[in-house]
Amino acid sequence: MVDPGEFKWTAGENLLKAYLNKEGVGLLFCSECGSTLCGIVDGKVHGVALGCVNGDPGIKIEKHIFVGSKALWEVMPDNVIAYEEGPPNELS
């Protein structure tokens, strides 16, 4: 999770495109390359896709979601919570 008060875009905010469900939960994408950049709830960033972060973010993996549909070759790390589908609703 990301503290919405601590998050800010440093560049490229004009390139963001959103996909939102009817509850206002969704994802922001780069309109040029299609990369998923973060999750949003009610217009606020709540999680950043670490594949788009340059350098070591200095965090540890806490959980994996949707492991029921992971690639057969993907290895889940020990001692990390894994959910077959999505986690219980933690957004409220």
C-alpha atoms as a PDB file:
ATOM      1  CA  MET A   1       0.000   0.000   0.000  1.00  0.00           C
ATOM      2  CA  VAL A   2       1.037   3.567  -0.624  1.00  0.00           C
ATOM      3  CA  ASP A   3       0.091   6.456   1.641  1.00  0.00           C
ATOM      4  CA  PRO A   4      -1.792   8.720  -0.817  1.00  0.00           C
ATOM      5  CA  GLY A   5      -0.508  11.784   1.054  1.00  0.00           C
ATOM      6  CA  GLU A   6       3.084  10.722   0.436  1.00  0.00           C
ATOM      7  CA  PHE A   7       2.750   9.912  -3.270  1.00  0.00           C
ATOM      8  CA  LYS A   8       3.321  12.338  -6.143  1.00  0.00           C
ATOM      9  CA  TRP A   9       4.090  12.003  -9.838  1.00  0.00           C
ATOM     10  CA  THR A  10       7.416  13.533 -10.842  1.00  0.00           C
ATOM     11  CA  ALA A  11       6.858  13.315 -14.612  1.00  0.00           C
ATOM     12  CA  GLY A  12       4.439  11.973 -17.208  1.00  0.00           C
ATOM     13  CA  GLU A  13       1.191  12.538 -15.333  1.00  0.00           C
ATOM     14  CA  ASN A  14      -0.355  13.804 -18.579  1.00  0.00           C
ATOM     15  CA  LEU A  15       0.202  10.342 -20.117  1.00  0.00           C
ATOM     16  CA  LEU A  16      -1.903   8.464 -17.537  1.00  0.00           C
ATOM     17  CA  LYS A  17      -5.050   6.604 -18.561  1.00  0.00           C
ATOM     18  CA  ALA A  18      -7.361   4.937 -16.063  1.00  0.00           C
ATOM     19  CA  TYR A  19      -9.489   1.811 -15.983  1.00  0.00           C
ATOM     20  CA  LEU A  20     -12.034   1.964 -13.144  1.00  0.00           C
ATOM     21  CA  ASN A  21     -14.795  -0.372 -12.081  1.00  0.00           C
ATOM     22  CA  LYS A  22     -18.158   0.933 -10.878  1.00  0.00           C
ATOM     23  CA  GLU A  23     -16.853   1.108  -7.283  1.00  0.00           C
ATOM     24  CA  GLY A  24     -14.066   3.518  -8.306  1.00  0.00           C
ATOM     25  CA  VAL A  25     -11.295   0.924  -7.962  1.00  0.00           C
ATOM     26  CA  GLY A  26      -8.905   0.418 -10.844  1.00  0.00           C
ATOM     27  CA  LEU A  27      -5.522   0.884 -12.449  1.00  0.00           C
ATOM     28  CA  LEU A  28      -3.538   3.660 -14.089  1.00  0.00           C
ATOM     29  CA  PHE A  29      -1.648   2.859 -17.289  1.00  0.00           C
ATOM     30  CA  CYS A  30       0.893   4.675 -19.457  1.00  0.00           C
ATOM     31  CA  SER A  31      -0.954   5.751 -22.614  1.00  0.00           C
ATOM     32  CA  GLU A  32       2.245   5.360 -24.675  1.00  0.00           C
ATOM     33  CA  CYS A  33       3.621   1.954 -23.676  1.00  0.00           C
ATOM     34  CA  GLY A  34       0.639   0.396 -21.870  1.00  0.00           C
ATOM     35  CA  SER A  35       2.545  -0.395 -18.658  1.00  0.00           C
ATOM     36  CA  THR A  36       0.447  -0.748 -15.521  1.00  0.00           C
ATOM     37  CA  LEU A  37       1.757   1.881 -13.133  1.00  0.00           C
ATOM     38  CA  CYS A  38      -0.413   1.739 -10.038  1.00  0.00           C
ATOM     39  CA  GLY A  39      -3.709   0.855  -8.461  1.00  0.00           C
ATOM     40  CA  ILE A  40      -6.194   3.563  -7.540  1.00  0.00           C
ATOM     41  CA  VAL A  41      -9.198   3.810  -5.240  1.00  0.00           C
ATOM     42  CA  ASP A  42     -11.477   6.836  -5.463  1.00  0.00           C
ATOM     43  CA  GLY A  43      -8.828   8.677  -7.508  1.00  0.00           C
ATOM     44  CA  LYS A  44      -6.003   8.098  -5.019  1.00  0.00           C
ATOM     45  CA  VAL A  45      -2.941   5.911  -5.606  1.00  0.00           C
ATOM     46  CA  HIS A  46      -2.935   2.906  -3.270  1.00  0.00           C
ATOM     47  CA  GLY A  47      -0.233   0.662  -4.743  1.00  0.00           C
ATOM     48  CA  VAL A  48       2.622   1.067  -7.226  1.00  0.00           C
ATOM     49  CA  ALA A  49       3.622  -1.615  -9.743  1.00  0.00           C
ATOM     50  CA  LEU A  50       7.266  -2.171  -8.839  1.00  0.00           C
ATOM     51  CA  GLY A  51       8.137  -3.183 -12.392  1.00  0.00           C
ATOM     52  CA  CYS A  52       8.014   0.512 -13.278  1.00  0.00           C
ATOM     53  CA  VAL A  53      10.333   1.654 -10.472  1.00  0.00           C
ATOM     54  CA  ASN A  54      13.967   2.381 -11.314  1.00  0.00           C
ATOM     55  CA  GLY A  55      16.447   1.002  -8.794  1.00  0.00           C
ATOM     56  CA  ASP A  56      15.894  -0.901  -5.571  1.00  0.00           C
ATOM     57  CA  PRO A  57      12.692   0.251  -3.865  1.00  0.00           C
ATOM     58  CA  GLY A  58      14.010  -1.043  -0.528  1.00  0.00           C
ATOM     59  CA  ILE A  59      10.933  -3.082   0.376  1.00  0.00           C
ATOM     60  CA  LYS A  60      10.155  -6.754   0.916  1.00  0.00           C
ATOM     61  CA  ILE A  61       7.407  -8.820  -0.686  1.00  0.00           C
ATOM     62  CA  GLU A  62       4.493  -9.160   1.732  1.00  0.00           C
ATOM     63  CA  LYS A  63       1.934 -11.056  -0.349  1.00  0.00           C
ATOM     64  CA  HIS A  64       1.173 -12.498  -3.762  1.00  0.00           C
ATOM     65  CA  ILE A  65      -2.290 -12.333  -5.306  1.00  0.00           C
ATOM     66  CA  PHE A  66      -3.944 -14.464  -7.994  1.00  0.00           C
ATOM     67  CA  VAL A  67      -1.395 -17.273  -7.605  1.00  0.00           C
ATOM     68  CA  GLY A  68      -4.038 -19.700  -8.852  1.00  0.00           C
ATOM     69  CA  SER A  69      -3.348 -18.406 -12.351  1.00  0.00           C
ATOM     70  CA  LYS A  70       0.425 -17.879 -12.100  1.00  0.00           C
ATOM     71  CA  ALA A  71       2.788 -19.264 -14.715  1.00  0.00           C
ATOM     72  CA  LEU A  72       3.889 -22.857 -14.016  1.00  0.00           C
ATOM     73  CA  TRP A  73       7.533 -21.771 -13.903  1.00  0.00           C
ATOM     74  CA  GLU A  74       6.992 -18.998 -11.353  1.00  0.00           C
ATOM     75  CA  VAL A  75       8.365 -19.833  -7.901  1.00  0.00           C
ATOM     76  CA  MET A  76       6.652 -18.303  -4.880  1.00  0.00           C
ATOM     77  CA  PRO A  77       9.056 -17.205  -2.129  1.00  0.00           C
ATOM     78  CA  ASP A  78       8.829 -18.876   1.260  1.00  0.00           C
ATOM     79  CA  ASN A  79       7.054 -17.089   4.116  1.00  0.00           C
ATOM     80  CA  VAL A  80       4.960 -14.836   1.864  1.00  0.00           C
ATOM     81  CA  ILE A  81       1.168 -14.819   2.101  1.00  0.00           C
ATOM     82  CA  ALA A  82      -0.352 -16.106  -1.140  1.00  0.00           C
ATOM     83  CA  TYR A  83      -3.966 -15.804  -2.291  1.00  0.00           C
ATOM     84  CA  GLU A  84      -5.394 -18.062  -4.982  1.00  0.00           C
ATOM     85  CA  GLU A  85      -7.391 -15.058  -6.177  1.00  0.00           C
ATOM     86  CA  GLY A  86      -7.533 -11.527  -4.780  1.00  0.00           C
ATOM     87  CA  PRO A  87      -6.951 -10.780  -1.099  1.00  0.00           C
ATOM     88  CA  PRO A  88      -9.808 -10.030   1.263  1.00  0.00           C
ATOM     89  CA  ASN A  89     -11.071  -6.468   0.775  1.00  0.00           C
ATOM     90  CA  GLU A  90      -8.401  -4.308   2.431  1.00  0.00           C
ATOM     91  CA  LEU A  91      -9.322  -1.082   0.698  1.00  0.00           C
ATOM     92  CA  SER A  92     -11.845   0.218   3.196  1.00  0.00           C
END
